[in-house]
Each structure stands twice: as C-alpha cells, then as structure tokens.
C-alpha cells in the first residue's frame, strides 16, 4: 500500500508540472506564449498585436491554471486525508470541463484548420480528459484500500 501511495504521489508531482509551467508561462508572457515554440522566446507577433482585453483575460486564465497545478501539488502532502478526495473531485470537474471546452474548440469550430493544432493543445487535452480523471480514480482506489485496511485493523 505504501508503495502505491508513493507511486501516486510521484505521478501527481510529474503531472502537475504541465499546468504549473504552462500557467506560469502564460501568466508572465501573456497571449504570445500560445504562439511560442519550446525553447524560443521570440514570436512572430509582438505584444502590441494583442488587445489589452485579450492580454488581461489570457493572464487571468493562466493564473487559474497555475493555481490549479499548485493546488494539485499541495494535495500530494495530504493524500490520505478524506477532505483531499472532495477537493480532488472539484478540481477534476473543473479540469475536465475546461478540457471539454478545448475539445469543442479543436473539434467543432476549426475543422478546416487541422494544421494549426499544435502539440501544446493536444498535451492539454490529454492532461485534462485522460490524466486528471485517471489520477482522481486512482486516489479513490487508494482511499478505499486505506479505509478497508483501517477497518480490518480496528476489528
């Protein structure tokens, strides 16, 4: 059981790197971070190409993404607490809902622009609709095993 909890913690730490790094990057760089390639800090579009409304909204959403990632990371320290499961349920709902929005965008409105879909979008989609729900279900499993083993020891 202890090894599974440790493995789960490692998986959450590794998985939280994506929202933390992308959120921080978007928070600091702004909308042009969406067009930057990995390892490149120059972009075809300058900061002036974006309206203040878009910049403001993008940085706000990036801050939310950063906060979600940091909250997942914080919860690693409290894996076996019952309250953690409720918080993870709410976080998972928020992340999956965002992933559905991304899926709607990628699948519905831009059918003719398949070439413009980049790896960051697909990574986000994978993290939102596959990794996050899987981590939540894994946490549920750990909690059930822990609850069962606790009841067995008490009796």
N, C-alpha and C. Protein backbone atom coordinates (compact mmCIF):
# COMPACT_ATOMS: atom_id res chain seq x y z
N UNK A 1 0.82 -1.20 0.00
CA UNK A 1 0.00 0.00 0.00
C UNK A 1 0.87 1.26 0.00
N UNK A 2 1.91 1.26 0.82
CA UNK A 2 2.78 2.43 0.90
C UNK A 2 3.45 2.71 -0.44
N UNK A 3 3.82 1.65 -1.14
CA UNK A 3 4.48 1.85 -2.44
C UNK A 3 3.49 2.42 -3.46
N UNK A 4 2.23 2.04 -3.38
CA UNK A 4 1.23 2.60 -4.30
C UNK A 4 0.99 4.08 -4.01
N UNK A 5 0.96 4.44 -2.75
CA UNK A 5 0.79 5.85 -2.38
C UNK A 5 1.99 6.66 -2.87
N UNK A 6 3.18 6.12 -2.70
CA UNK A 6 4.38 6.81 -3.18
C UNK A 6 4.36 6.96 -4.71
N UNK A 7 3.95 5.91 -5.39
CA UNK A 7 3.84 5.97 -6.86
C UNK A 7 2.80 7.00 -7.29
N UNK A 8 1.68 7.03 -6.58
CA UNK A 8 0.64 8.02 -6.86
C UNK A 8 1.16 9.44 -6.66
N UNK A 9 1.86 9.66 -5.57
CA UNK A 9 2.42 10.98 -5.30
C UNK A 9 3.38 11.40 -6.41
N UNK A 10 4.22 10.49 -6.85
CA UNK A 10 5.16 10.79 -7.95
C UNK A 10 4.40 11.14 -9.23
N UNK A 11 3.34 10.41 -9.52
CA UNK A 11 2.54 10.67 -10.73
C UNK A 11 1.89 12.06 -10.66
N UNK A 12 1.39 12.44 -9.49
CA UNK A 12 0.76 13.76 -9.33
C UNK A 12 1.81 14.86 -9.47
N UNK A 13 2.97 14.67 -8.85
CA UNK A 13 4.03 15.67 -8.94
C UNK A 13 4.45 15.88 -10.40
N UNK A 14 4.65 14.79 -11.12
CA UNK A 14 5.05 14.89 -12.53
C UNK A 14 3.94 15.53 -13.35
N UNK A 15 2.70 15.12 -13.11
CA UNK A 15 1.56 15.65 -13.86
C UNK A 15 1.31 17.13 -13.57
N UNK A 16 1.59 17.55 -12.35
CA UNK A 16 1.33 18.96 -12.01
C UNK A 16 2.34 19.90 -12.67
N UNK A 17 3.42 19.35 -13.19
CA UNK A 17 4.41 20.19 -13.87
C UNK A 17 3.80 20.89 -15.09
N UNK A 18 2.91 20.21 -15.81
CA UNK A 18 2.31 20.81 -17.02
C UNK A 18 1.46 22.04 -16.68
N UNK A 19 0.46 21.96 -15.80
CA UNK A 19 -0.32 23.17 -15.54
C UNK A 19 0.49 24.27 -14.84
N UNK A 20 1.44 23.87 -13.99
CA UNK A 20 2.25 24.89 -13.31
C UNK A 20 3.12 25.63 -14.32
N UNK A 21 3.81 24.90 -15.18
CA UNK A 21 4.71 25.55 -16.13
C UNK A 21 3.94 26.34 -17.19
N UNK A 22 2.88 25.76 -17.74
CA UNK A 22 2.11 26.47 -18.76
C UNK A 22 1.37 27.66 -18.16
N UNK A 23 0.86 27.51 -16.95
CA UNK A 23 0.18 28.61 -16.29
C UNK A 23 1.13 29.75 -15.97
N UNK A 24 2.30 29.42 -15.45
CA UNK A 24 3.29 30.44 -15.14
C UNK A 24 3.78 31.14 -16.40
N UNK A 25 4.02 30.37 -17.44
CA UNK A 25 4.47 30.91 -18.72
C UNK A 25 3.44 31.88 -19.29
N UNK A 26 2.18 31.48 -19.31
CA UNK A 26 1.11 32.35 -19.81
C UNK A 26 0.89 33.57 -18.93
N UNK A 27 1.04 33.38 -17.63
CA UNK A 27 0.87 34.46 -16.68
C UNK A 27 1.94 35.54 -16.89
N UNK A 28 3.17 35.12 -17.12
CA UNK A 28 4.29 36.07 -17.27
C UNK A 28 4.42 36.63 -18.69
N UNK A 29 4.20 35.79 -19.70
CA UNK A 29 4.43 36.19 -21.09
C UNK A 29 3.16 36.76 -21.73
N UNK A 30 2.00 36.25 -21.35
CA UNK A 30 0.75 36.71 -21.94
C UNK A 30 0.35 35.87 -23.15
N UNK A 31 -0.55 36.38 -23.99
CA UNK A 31 -1.09 35.60 -25.10
C UNK A 31 -0.04 35.13 -26.10
N UNK A 32 1.05 35.86 -26.20
CA UNK A 32 2.04 35.42 -27.17
C UNK A 32 2.70 34.10 -26.75
N UNK A 33 2.52 33.68 -25.50
CA UNK A 33 3.06 32.40 -25.06
C UNK A 33 2.40 31.24 -25.82
N UNK A 34 1.19 31.45 -26.32
CA UNK A 34 0.49 30.41 -27.07
C UNK A 34 1.13 30.17 -28.43
N UNK A 35 1.85 31.16 -28.95
CA UNK A 35 2.46 31.01 -30.27
C UNK A 35 3.95 30.71 -30.20
N UNK A 36 4.52 30.72 -29.01
CA UNK A 36 5.94 30.45 -28.87
C UNK A 36 6.20 28.96 -28.95
N UNK A 37 7.32 28.62 -29.54
CA UNK A 37 7.72 27.22 -29.56
C UNK A 37 8.62 26.97 -28.35
N UNK A 38 8.73 25.72 -27.96
CA UNK A 38 9.54 25.37 -26.81
C UNK A 38 10.99 25.74 -27.10
N UNK A 39 11.60 26.42 -26.17
CA UNK A 39 12.99 26.84 -26.32
C UNK A 39 13.16 28.15 -27.06
N UNK A 40 12.07 28.77 -27.48
CA UNK A 40 12.16 30.03 -28.21
C UNK A 40 11.42 31.11 -27.45
N UNK A 41 12.06 32.22 -27.23
CA UNK A 41 11.42 33.33 -26.55
C UNK A 41 11.09 34.47 -27.51
N UNK A 42 11.18 34.19 -28.81
CA UNK A 42 10.80 35.21 -29.78
C UNK A 42 9.55 34.72 -30.50
N UNK A 43 8.73 35.65 -30.93
CA UNK A 43 7.48 35.31 -31.57
C UNK A 43 7.27 36.20 -32.78
N UNK A 44 6.50 35.69 -33.73
CA UNK A 44 6.17 36.49 -34.91
C UNK A 44 5.26 37.65 -34.54
N UNK A 45 4.47 37.45 -33.50
CA UNK A 45 3.56 38.51 -33.07
C UNK A 45 4.14 39.21 -31.85
N UNK A 46 4.17 40.51 -31.88
CA UNK A 46 4.66 41.26 -30.73
C UNK A 46 3.52 41.49 -29.75
N UNK A 47 3.86 41.96 -28.58
CA UNK A 47 2.88 42.23 -27.54
C UNK A 47 1.80 43.21 -28.03
N UNK A 48 2.16 44.13 -28.90
CA UNK A 48 1.21 45.14 -29.37
C UNK A 48 0.11 44.55 -30.26
N UNK A 49 0.29 43.35 -30.76
CA UNK A 49 -0.70 42.73 -31.62
C UNK A 49 -1.93 42.23 -30.86
N UNK A 50 -1.89 42.25 -29.55
CA UNK A 50 -2.98 41.74 -28.74
C UNK A 50 -3.67 42.90 -28.02
N UNK A 51 -4.98 42.85 -27.95
CA UNK A 51 -5.71 43.88 -27.21
C UNK A 51 -5.46 43.71 -25.72
N UNK A 52 -5.63 44.76 -24.98
CA UNK A 52 -5.47 44.69 -23.54
C UNK A 52 -6.49 43.74 -22.92
N UNK A 53 -7.68 43.66 -23.52
CA UNK A 53 -8.72 42.74 -23.02
C UNK A 53 -8.28 41.29 -23.18
N UNK A 54 -7.73 40.95 -24.35
CA UNK A 54 -7.25 39.59 -24.57
C UNK A 54 -6.08 39.28 -23.64
N UNK A 55 -5.15 40.21 -23.52
CA UNK A 55 -4.00 40.01 -22.65
C UNK A 55 -4.45 39.79 -21.20
N UNK A 56 -5.35 40.62 -20.75
CA UNK A 56 -5.86 40.54 -19.38
C UNK A 56 -6.56 39.19 -19.14
N UNK A 57 -7.42 38.81 -20.05
CA UNK A 57 -8.16 37.55 -19.92
C UNK A 57 -7.21 36.35 -19.97
N UNK A 58 -6.25 36.38 -20.87
CA UNK A 58 -5.30 35.28 -21.03
C UNK A 58 -4.47 35.10 -19.75
N UNK A 59 -4.00 36.21 -19.21
CA UNK A 59 -3.18 36.13 -17.99
C UNK A 59 -4.02 35.68 -16.79
N UNK A 60 -5.28 36.09 -16.74
CA UNK A 60 -6.18 35.65 -15.68
C UNK A 60 -6.37 34.13 -15.75
N UNK A 61 -6.68 33.63 -16.93
CA UNK A 61 -6.88 32.18 -17.09
C UNK A 61 -5.59 31.41 -16.83
N UNK A 62 -4.46 31.99 -17.21
CA UNK A 62 -3.17 31.35 -16.92
C UNK A 62 -2.92 31.30 -15.42
N UNK A 63 -3.33 32.35 -14.71
CA UNK A 63 -3.22 32.34 -13.26
C UNK A 63 -4.08 31.25 -12.63
N UNK A 64 -5.27 31.04 -13.18
CA UNK A 64 -6.12 29.95 -12.69
C UNK A 64 -5.45 28.60 -12.93
N UNK A 65 -4.88 28.42 -14.11
CA UNK A 65 -4.19 27.18 -14.44
C UNK A 65 -3.02 26.95 -13.49
N UNK A 66 -2.26 28.00 -13.24
CA UNK A 66 -1.14 27.92 -12.30
C UNK A 66 -1.65 27.53 -10.91
N UNK A 67 -2.72 28.14 -10.47
CA UNK A 67 -3.30 27.83 -9.16
C UNK A 67 -3.79 26.40 -9.06
N UNK A 68 -4.41 25.91 -10.12
CA UNK A 68 -4.88 24.51 -10.14
C UNK A 68 -3.69 23.57 -10.00
N UNK A 69 -2.63 23.83 -10.76
CA UNK A 69 -1.44 22.99 -10.68
C UNK A 69 -0.81 23.01 -9.30
N UNK A 70 -0.72 24.21 -8.70
CA UNK A 70 -0.14 24.32 -7.36
C UNK A 70 -1.01 23.63 -6.32
N UNK A 71 -2.33 23.68 -6.48
CA UNK A 71 -3.24 23.00 -5.55
C UNK A 71 -3.07 21.48 -5.65
N UNK A 72 -2.95 20.96 -6.87
CA UNK A 72 -2.68 19.52 -7.02
C UNK A 72 -1.38 19.15 -6.31
N UNK A 73 -0.36 19.97 -6.49
CA UNK A 73 0.93 19.72 -5.86
C UNK A 73 0.81 19.78 -4.33
N UNK A 74 0.08 20.72 -3.82
CA UNK A 74 -0.14 20.84 -2.37
C UNK A 74 -0.85 19.60 -1.82
N UNK A 75 -1.83 19.09 -2.55
CA UNK A 75 -2.61 17.96 -2.06
C UNK A 75 -1.79 16.67 -1.97
N UNK A 76 -0.64 16.63 -2.63
CA UNK A 76 0.24 15.46 -2.53
C UNK A 76 0.64 15.22 -1.07
N UNK A 77 0.75 16.29 -0.32
CA UNK A 77 1.15 16.17 1.08
C UNK A 77 0.01 15.66 1.96
N UNK A 78 -1.20 15.59 1.41
CA UNK A 78 -2.37 15.20 2.19
C UNK A 78 -3.17 14.07 1.52
N UNK A 79 -2.47 13.17 0.89
CA UNK A 79 -3.12 12.13 0.09
C UNK A 79 -4.12 11.30 0.87
N UNK A 80 -3.81 10.95 2.09
CA UNK A 80 -4.66 10.02 2.84
C UNK A 80 -5.75 10.70 3.68
N UNK A 81 -5.89 12.01 3.56
CA UNK A 81 -6.95 12.72 4.27
C UNK A 81 -8.24 12.68 3.46
N UNK A 82 -9.37 12.48 4.14
CA UNK A 82 -10.66 12.36 3.45
C UNK A 82 -11.04 13.65 2.72
N UNK A 83 -10.73 14.80 3.28
CA UNK A 83 -11.06 16.08 2.65
C UNK A 83 -10.37 16.23 1.29
N UNK A 84 -9.21 15.61 1.14
CA UNK A 84 -8.46 15.68 -0.12
C UNK A 84 -9.28 15.13 -1.26
N UNK A 85 -10.02 14.06 -1.00
CA UNK A 85 -10.83 13.46 -2.07
C UNK A 85 -11.91 14.41 -2.56
N UNK A 86 -12.54 15.15 -1.65
CA UNK A 86 -13.56 16.13 -2.07
C UNK A 86 -12.94 17.24 -2.91
N UNK A 87 -11.78 17.72 -2.49
CA UNK A 87 -11.11 18.78 -3.24
C UNK A 87 -10.69 18.27 -4.61
N UNK A 88 -10.16 17.05 -4.65
CA UNK A 88 -9.77 16.46 -5.94
C UNK A 88 -10.96 16.28 -6.88
N UNK A 89 -12.10 15.93 -6.31
CA UNK A 89 -13.31 15.78 -7.12
C UNK A 89 -13.67 17.11 -7.79
N UNK A 90 -13.64 18.19 -7.01
CA UNK A 90 -13.95 19.52 -7.56
C UNK A 90 -12.91 19.96 -8.60
N UNK A 91 -11.63 19.74 -8.29
CA UNK A 91 -10.58 20.10 -9.24
C UNK A 91 -10.70 19.30 -10.53
N UNK A 92 -11.00 18.02 -10.40
CA UNK A 92 -11.16 17.17 -11.58
C UNK A 92 -12.32 17.66 -12.43
N UNK A 93 -13.42 18.02 -11.79
CA UNK A 93 -14.57 18.55 -12.53
C UNK A 93 -14.17 19.81 -13.30
N UNK A 94 -13.48 20.73 -12.65
CA UNK A 94 -13.06 21.98 -13.30
C UNK A 94 -12.15 21.69 -14.48
N UNK A 95 -11.18 20.80 -14.28
CA UNK A 95 -10.21 20.49 -15.34
C UNK A 95 -10.90 19.79 -16.52
N UNK A 96 -11.76 18.82 -16.24
CA UNK A 96 -12.46 18.10 -17.32
C UNK A 96 -13.40 19.05 -18.07
N UNK A 97 -14.08 19.93 -17.36
CA UNK A 97 -14.93 20.92 -18.01
C UNK A 97 -14.11 21.80 -18.96
N UNK A 98 -12.96 22.25 -18.52
CA UNK A 98 -12.06 23.01 -19.39
C UNK A 98 -11.61 22.19 -20.58
N UNK A 99 -11.33 20.92 -20.36
CA UNK A 99 -10.93 20.03 -21.46
C UNK A 99 -12.05 19.85 -22.47
N UNK A 100 -13.29 19.82 -22.00
CA UNK A 100 -14.43 19.73 -22.93
C UNK A 100 -14.52 20.98 -23.80
N UNK A 101 -14.23 22.14 -23.19
CA UNK A 101 -14.19 23.38 -23.96
C UNK A 101 -13.11 23.35 -25.00
N UNK A 102 -11.94 22.82 -24.64
CA UNK A 102 -10.83 22.70 -25.60
C UNK A 102 -11.21 21.73 -26.72
N UNK A 103 -11.85 20.63 -26.36
CA UNK A 103 -12.27 19.65 -27.36
C UNK A 103 -13.29 20.25 -28.31
N UNK A 104 -14.22 21.02 -27.79
CA UNK A 104 -15.20 21.72 -28.62
C UNK A 104 -14.49 22.64 -29.61
N UNK A 105 -13.52 23.36 -29.12
CA UNK A 105 -12.76 24.28 -29.98
C UNK A 105 -12.00 23.53 -31.06
N UNK A 106 -11.30 22.49 -30.68
CA UNK A 106 -10.48 21.75 -31.64
C UNK A 106 -11.31 20.93 -32.62
N UNK A 107 -12.42 20.40 -32.15
CA UNK A 107 -13.21 19.52 -32.99
C UNK A 107 -14.32 20.17 -33.77
N UNK A 108 -14.84 21.26 -33.26
CA UNK A 108 -16.02 21.84 -33.89
C UNK A 108 -15.78 23.02 -34.78
N UNK A 109 -15.13 24.03 -34.28
CA UNK A 109 -15.07 25.29 -34.98
C UNK A 109 -13.93 25.40 -35.99
N UNK A 110 -12.89 24.61 -35.82
CA UNK A 110 -11.72 24.78 -36.67
C UNK A 110 -11.42 23.55 -37.52
N UNK A 111 -12.46 22.95 -38.06
CA UNK A 111 -12.28 21.72 -38.84
C UNK A 111 -11.37 21.93 -40.04
N UNK A 112 -11.40 23.10 -40.63
CA UNK A 112 -10.57 23.36 -41.79
C UNK A 112 -9.15 23.76 -41.45
N UNK A 113 -8.85 23.91 -40.17
CA UNK A 113 -7.52 24.37 -39.76
C UNK A 113 -6.77 23.31 -38.96
N UNK A 114 -6.82 22.08 -39.40
CA UNK A 114 -6.17 20.99 -38.68
C UNK A 114 -4.68 21.25 -38.53
N UNK A 115 -4.07 21.91 -39.50
CA UNK A 115 -2.64 22.18 -39.44
C UNK A 115 -2.27 23.11 -38.30
N UNK A 116 -3.22 23.92 -37.82
CA UNK A 116 -2.90 24.88 -36.76
C UNK A 116 -2.94 24.26 -35.36
N UNK A 117 -3.39 23.02 -35.23
CA UNK A 117 -3.41 22.35 -33.94
C UNK A 117 -1.97 21.97 -33.59
N UNK A 118 -1.51 22.44 -32.43
CA UNK A 118 -0.13 22.14 -32.06
C UNK A 118 -0.06 21.16 -30.90
N UNK A 119 1.15 20.75 -30.58
CA UNK A 119 1.37 19.77 -29.54
C UNK A 119 0.93 20.22 -28.16
N UNK A 120 1.05 21.54 -27.88
CA UNK A 120 0.61 22.05 -26.58
C UNK A 120 -0.88 21.87 -26.40
N UNK A 121 -1.65 22.06 -27.48
CA UNK A 121 -3.10 21.88 -27.40
C UNK A 121 -3.45 20.42 -27.12
N UNK A 122 -2.78 19.52 -27.83
CA UNK A 122 -3.05 18.09 -27.66
C UNK A 122 -2.59 17.59 -26.29
N UNK A 123 -1.45 18.11 -25.81
CA UNK A 123 -0.99 17.75 -24.48
C UNK A 123 -2.00 18.22 -23.43
N UNK A 124 -2.49 19.45 -23.58
CA UNK A 124 -3.50 19.96 -22.65
C UNK A 124 -4.74 19.09 -22.66
N UNK A 125 -5.21 18.74 -23.84
CA UNK A 125 -6.39 17.90 -23.98
C UNK A 125 -6.19 16.54 -23.30
N UNK A 126 -5.03 15.94 -23.50
CA UNK A 126 -4.70 14.65 -22.89
C UNK A 126 -4.66 14.77 -21.37
N UNK A 127 -4.03 15.83 -20.88
CA UNK A 127 -3.94 16.04 -19.43
C UNK A 127 -5.33 16.25 -18.82
N UNK A 128 -6.18 16.99 -19.52
CA UNK A 128 -7.49 17.36 -19.00
C UNK A 128 -8.51 16.23 -19.05
N UNK A 129 -8.48 15.45 -20.12
CA UNK A 129 -9.52 14.43 -20.29
C UNK A 129 -9.08 13.01 -19.99
N UNK A 130 -7.77 12.80 -19.82
CA UNK A 130 -7.29 11.45 -19.53
C UNK A 130 -6.53 11.40 -18.20
N UNK A 131 -5.47 12.18 -18.09
CA UNK A 131 -4.60 12.09 -16.91
C UNK A 131 -5.32 12.50 -15.63
N UNK A 132 -5.97 13.65 -15.63
CA UNK A 132 -6.61 14.15 -14.41
C UNK A 132 -7.71 13.21 -13.90
N UNK A 133 -8.64 12.74 -14.76
CA UNK A 133 -9.64 11.79 -14.26
C UNK A 133 -9.01 10.48 -13.78
N UNK A 134 -7.95 10.04 -14.45
CA UNK A 134 -7.27 8.81 -14.03
C UNK A 134 -6.64 8.98 -12.65
N UNK A 135 -6.01 10.12 -12.41
CA UNK A 135 -5.43 10.38 -11.09
C UNK A 135 -6.52 10.43 -10.03
N UNK A 136 -7.67 11.01 -10.36
CA UNK A 136 -8.77 11.06 -9.40
C UNK A 136 -9.27 9.65 -9.07
N UNK A 137 -9.45 8.82 -10.10
CA UNK A 137 -9.92 7.45 -9.86
C UNK A 137 -8.89 6.65 -9.07
N UNK A 138 -7.63 6.89 -9.35
CA UNK A 138 -6.55 6.22 -8.61
C UNK A 138 -6.60 6.64 -7.14
N UNK A 139 -6.82 7.91 -6.87
CA UNK A 139 -6.92 8.38 -5.50
C UNK A 139 -8.12 7.73 -4.79
N UNK A 140 -9.24 7.60 -5.49
CA UNK A 140 -10.40 6.91 -4.92
C UNK A 140 -10.04 5.48 -4.52
N UNK A 141 -9.31 4.81 -5.38
CA UNK A 141 -8.89 3.44 -5.10
C UNK A 141 -8.02 3.38 -3.86
N UNK A 142 -7.07 4.30 -3.74
CA UNK A 142 -6.19 4.34 -2.57
C UNK A 142 -7.01 4.59 -1.31
N UNK A 143 -7.98 5.49 -1.39
CA UNK A 143 -8.81 5.79 -0.22
C UNK A 143 -9.65 4.58 0.19
N UNK A 144 -10.17 3.85 -0.78
CA UNK A 144 -10.97 2.65 -0.45
C UNK A 144 -10.11 1.58 0.19
N UNK A 145 -8.90 1.38 -0.34
CA UNK A 145 -7.99 0.39 0.23
C UNK A 145 -7.59 0.80 1.65
N UNK A 146 -7.30 2.07 1.83
CA UNK A 146 -6.91 2.58 3.15
C UNK A 146 -8.06 2.44 4.14
N UNK A 147 -9.27 2.76 3.70
CA UNK A 147 -10.45 2.67 4.56
C UNK A 147 -10.70 1.21 4.96
N UNK A 148 -10.56 0.30 4.01
CA UNK A 148 -10.76 -1.13 4.27
C UNK A 148 -9.71 -1.66 5.23
N UNK A 149 -8.45 -1.29 5.00
CA UNK A 149 -7.38 -1.79 5.88
C UNK A 149 -7.50 -1.21 7.29
N UNK A 150 -7.98 0.01 7.42
CA UNK A 150 -8.19 0.63 8.73
C UNK A 150 -9.29 -0.09 9.49
N UNK A 151 -10.40 -0.42 8.80
CA UNK A 151 -11.50 -1.13 9.45
C UNK A 151 -11.07 -2.52 9.87
N UNK A 152 -10.23 -3.19 9.05
CA UNK A 152 -9.76 -4.51 9.37
C UNK A 152 -8.88 -4.48 10.61
N UNK A 153 -8.02 -3.48 10.73
CA UNK A 153 -7.12 -3.38 11.89
C UNK A 153 -7.89 -3.07 13.17
N UNK A 154 -8.96 -2.28 13.08
CA UNK A 154 -9.74 -1.93 14.26
C UNK A 154 -10.47 -3.14 14.81
N UNK A 155 -10.99 -3.99 13.96
CA UNK A 155 -11.74 -5.16 14.40
C UNK A 155 -10.78 -6.19 14.88
